[in-house]
Amino acid sequence: DIDDMRSTAARPNRLRPPTTPTTGKEESDLFRKSRLLSAYLEWCQSYGRDPSEARFEHFSRNYAKLEAATQRTGRSPTLNAFADYSEEEFAKMNAAGGWTIG
């Protein structure tokens, strides 16, 4: 679980999804989970959040979307305070007027 891995996870140097080198091979599940956990723990520290398994699952899904956007566009979006929100939580907050663009 997260507490067991917290002390051993390597920490990325920025809060942007890294581009995965093209090697012709898929990233191993263990390596991917370790990389995601490392990014999640850094994100938690940056935003003053306590890590949790449930929030890590939401973060992982959102992080994967950012990685896909990076691959598709060549641009590297940054993680924000909502990176651990589920789609439902984000939609509810947005509908309540809690998020505006511009």
C-alpha atoms as a PDB file:
ATOM      1  CA  ASP A   1       0.000   0.000   0.000  1.00  0.00           C
ATOM      2  CA  ILE A   2       0.956   3.667  -0.164  1.00  0.00           C
ATOM      3  CA  ASP A   3       2.419   3.878   3.346  1.00  0.00           C
ATOM      4  CA  ASP A   4       4.714   0.917   2.675  1.00  0.00           C
ATOM      5  CA  MET A   5       5.973   2.370  -0.586  1.00  0.00           C
ATOM      6  CA  ARG A   6       6.231   6.008   0.518  1.00  0.00           C
ATOM      7  CA  SER A   7       9.781   5.711   1.833  1.00  0.00           C
ATOM      8  CA  THR A   8      11.132   3.844  -1.188  1.00  0.00           C
ATOM      9  CA  ALA A   9       9.467   5.659  -4.079  1.00  0.00           C
ATOM     10  CA  ALA A  10      11.751   7.785  -6.245  1.00  0.00           C
ATOM     11  CA  ARG A  11      10.535  11.364  -6.573  1.00  0.00           C
ATOM     12  CA  PRO A  12      10.162  13.057  -9.959  1.00  0.00           C
ATOM     13  CA  ASN A  13      11.734  16.499 -10.253  1.00  0.00           C
ATOM     14  CA  ARG A  14       8.604  18.293 -11.464  1.00  0.00           C
ATOM     15  CA  LEU A  15       4.830  18.003 -11.430  1.00  0.00           C
ATOM     16  CA  ARG A  16       4.434  17.197 -15.115  1.00  0.00           C
ATOM     17  CA  PRO A  17       3.811  13.768 -16.528  1.00  0.00           C
ATOM     18  CA  PRO A  18       7.078  12.486 -17.946  1.00  0.00           C
ATOM     19  CA  THR A  19       7.220  11.363 -21.515  1.00  0.00           C
ATOM     20  CA  THR A  20       7.829   7.646 -21.712  1.00  0.00           C
ATOM     21  CA  PRO A  21      10.770   6.800 -23.946  1.00  0.00           C
ATOM     22  CA  THR A  22       9.744   4.968 -27.073  1.00  0.00           C
ATOM     23  CA  THR A  23      11.404   1.580 -26.791  1.00  0.00           C
ATOM     24  CA  GLY A  24       8.873  -0.512 -28.651  1.00  0.00           C
ATOM     25  CA  LYS A  25       7.980  -2.251 -25.398  1.00  0.00           C
ATOM     26  CA  GLU A  26       5.156  -1.529 -23.017  1.00  0.00           C
ATOM     27  CA  GLU A  27       6.065  -0.183 -19.637  1.00  0.00           C
ATOM     28  CA  SER A  28       5.929  -2.888 -16.963  1.00  0.00           C
ATOM     29  CA  ASP A  29       3.014  -2.657 -14.536  1.00  0.00           C
ATOM     30  CA  LEU A  30       5.366  -2.514 -11.562  1.00  0.00           C
ATOM     31  CA  PHE A  31       7.451   0.287 -13.077  1.00  0.00           C
ATOM     32  CA  ARG A  32       4.328   2.233 -14.056  1.00  0.00           C
ATOM     33  CA  LYS A  33       2.776   1.902 -10.593  1.00  0.00           C
ATOM     34  CA  SER A  34       6.060   2.953  -8.969  1.00  0.00           C
ATOM     35  CA  ARG A  35       6.295   5.990 -11.265  1.00  0.00           C
ATOM     36  CA  LEU A  36       2.654   6.927 -10.611  1.00  0.00           C
ATOM     37  CA  LEU A  37       3.061   6.487  -6.863  1.00  0.00           C
ATOM     38  CA  SER A  38       6.152   8.667  -6.887  1.00  0.00           C
ATOM     39  CA  ALA A  39       4.322  11.406  -8.786  1.00  0.00           C
ATOM     40  CA  TYR A  40       1.309  11.065  -6.463  1.00  0.00           C
ATOM     41  CA  LEU A  41       3.389  11.383  -3.294  1.00  0.00           C
ATOM     42  CA  GLU A  42       5.143  14.462  -4.662  1.00  0.00           C
ATOM     43  CA  TRP A  43       1.779  15.933  -5.642  1.00  0.00           C
ATOM     44  CA  CYS A  44       0.370  15.219  -2.143  1.00  0.00           C
ATOM     45  CA  GLN A  45       3.326  16.971  -0.556  1.00  0.00           C
ATOM     46  CA  SER A  46       2.995  19.966  -2.885  1.00  0.00           C
ATOM     47  CA  TYR A  47      -0.717  20.379  -2.162  1.00  0.00           C
ATOM     48  CA  GLY A  48      -0.645  19.432   1.535  1.00  0.00           C
ATOM     49  CA  ARG A  49      -2.762  16.314   1.045  1.00  0.00           C
ATOM     50  CA  ASP A  50      -2.613  13.032   2.933  1.00  0.00           C
ATOM     51  CA  PRO A  51      -2.115  10.085   0.560  1.00  0.00           C
ATOM     52  CA  SER A  52      -4.926   7.544   0.317  1.00  0.00           C
ATOM     53  CA  GLU A  53      -5.587   4.495  -1.844  1.00  0.00           C
ATOM     54  CA  ALA A  54      -8.904   5.864  -3.155  1.00  0.00           C
ATOM     55  CA  ARG A  55      -7.421   9.253  -4.081  1.00  0.00           C
ATOM     56  CA  PHE A  56      -4.429   7.501  -5.691  1.00  0.00           C
ATOM     57  CA  GLU A  57      -6.813   5.653  -8.039  1.00  0.00           C
ATOM     58  CA  HIS A  58      -8.394   8.942  -9.174  1.00  0.00           C
ATOM     59  CA  PHE A  59      -4.969  10.563  -9.485  1.00  0.00           C
ATOM     60  CA  SER A  60      -3.702   7.624 -11.574  1.00  0.00           C
ATOM     61  CA  ARG A  61      -6.596   7.917 -14.045  1.00  0.00           C
ATOM     62  CA  ASN A  62      -6.113  11.670 -14.387  1.00  0.00           C
ATOM     63  CA  TYR A  63      -2.350  11.320 -14.709  1.00  0.00           C
ATOM     64  CA  ALA A  64      -2.837   8.805 -17.528  1.00  0.00           C
ATOM     65  CA  LYS A  65      -5.058  11.338 -19.321  1.00  0.00           C
ATOM     66  CA  LEU A  66      -2.323  13.973 -18.991  1.00  0.00           C
ATOM     67  CA  GLU A  67       0.261  11.545 -20.351  1.00  0.00           C
ATOM     68  CA  ALA A  68      -1.996  10.784 -23.319  1.00  0.00           C
ATOM     69  CA  ALA A  69      -2.483  14.516 -23.956  1.00  0.00           C
ATOM     70  CA  THR A  70       1.274  15.000 -23.820  1.00  0.00           C
ATOM     71  CA  GLN A  71       1.809  12.211 -26.353  1.00  0.00           C
ATOM     72  CA  ARG A  72      -0.948  13.545 -28.603  1.00  0.00           C
ATOM     73  CA  THR A  73      -0.080  17.254 -28.540  1.00  0.00           C
ATOM     74  CA  GLY A  74       3.597  17.377 -27.611  1.00  0.00           C
ATOM     75  CA  ARG A  75       2.675  19.856 -24.878  1.00  0.00           C
ATOM     76  CA  SER A  76       3.155  18.996 -21.237  1.00  0.00           C
ATOM     77  CA  PRO A  77       0.237  20.140 -19.056  1.00  0.00           C
ATOM     78  CA  THR A  78       0.843  20.519 -15.346  1.00  0.00           C
ATOM     79  CA  LEU A  79      -0.989  18.860 -12.482  1.00  0.00           C
ATOM     80  CA  ASN A  80      -3.212  21.096 -10.401  1.00  0.00           C
ATOM     81  CA  ALA A  81      -5.065  20.880  -7.093  1.00  0.00           C
ATOM     82  CA  PHE A  82      -7.818  18.791  -8.718  1.00  0.00           C
ATOM     83  CA  ALA A  83      -5.555  15.976  -9.939  1.00  0.00           C
ATOM     84  CA  ASP A  84      -7.055  13.508  -7.445  1.00  0.00           C
ATOM     85  CA  TYR A  85     -10.696  14.326  -8.197  1.00  0.00           C
ATOM     86  CA  SER A  86     -12.965  11.764  -9.817  1.00  0.00           C
ATOM     87  CA  GLU A  87     -14.888  12.867 -12.893  1.00  0.00           C
ATOM     88  CA  GLU A  88     -18.018  13.011 -10.731  1.00  0.00           C
ATOM     89  CA  GLU A  89     -16.357  15.199  -8.078  1.00  0.00           C
ATOM     90  CA  PHE A  90     -14.999  17.564 -10.698  1.00  0.00           C
ATOM     91  CA  ALA A  91     -18.378  17.790 -12.465  1.00  0.00           C
ATOM     92  CA  LYS A  92     -20.167  18.466  -9.152  1.00  0.00           C
ATOM     93  CA  MET A  93     -17.678  21.194  -8.224  1.00  0.00           C
ATOM     94  CA  ASN A  94     -17.914  22.710 -11.701  1.00  0.00           C
ATOM     95  CA  ALA A  95     -21.735  22.680 -11.623  1.00  0.00           C
ATOM     96  CA  ALA A  96     -21.658  24.439  -8.240  1.00  0.00           C
ATOM     97  CA  GLY A  97     -19.569  27.241  -9.724  1.00  0.00           C
ATOM     98  CA  GLY A  98     -16.363  26.228  -7.970  1.00  0.00           C
ATOM     99  CA  TRP A  99     -14.212  26.244 -11.090  1.00  0.00           C
ATOM    100  CA  THR A 100     -14.014  28.925 -13.719  1.00  0.00           C
ATOM    101  CA  ILE A 101     -11.668  29.398 -16.637  1.00  0.00           C
ATOM    102  CA  GLY A 102     -10.358  32.841 -17.358  1.00  0.00           C
END
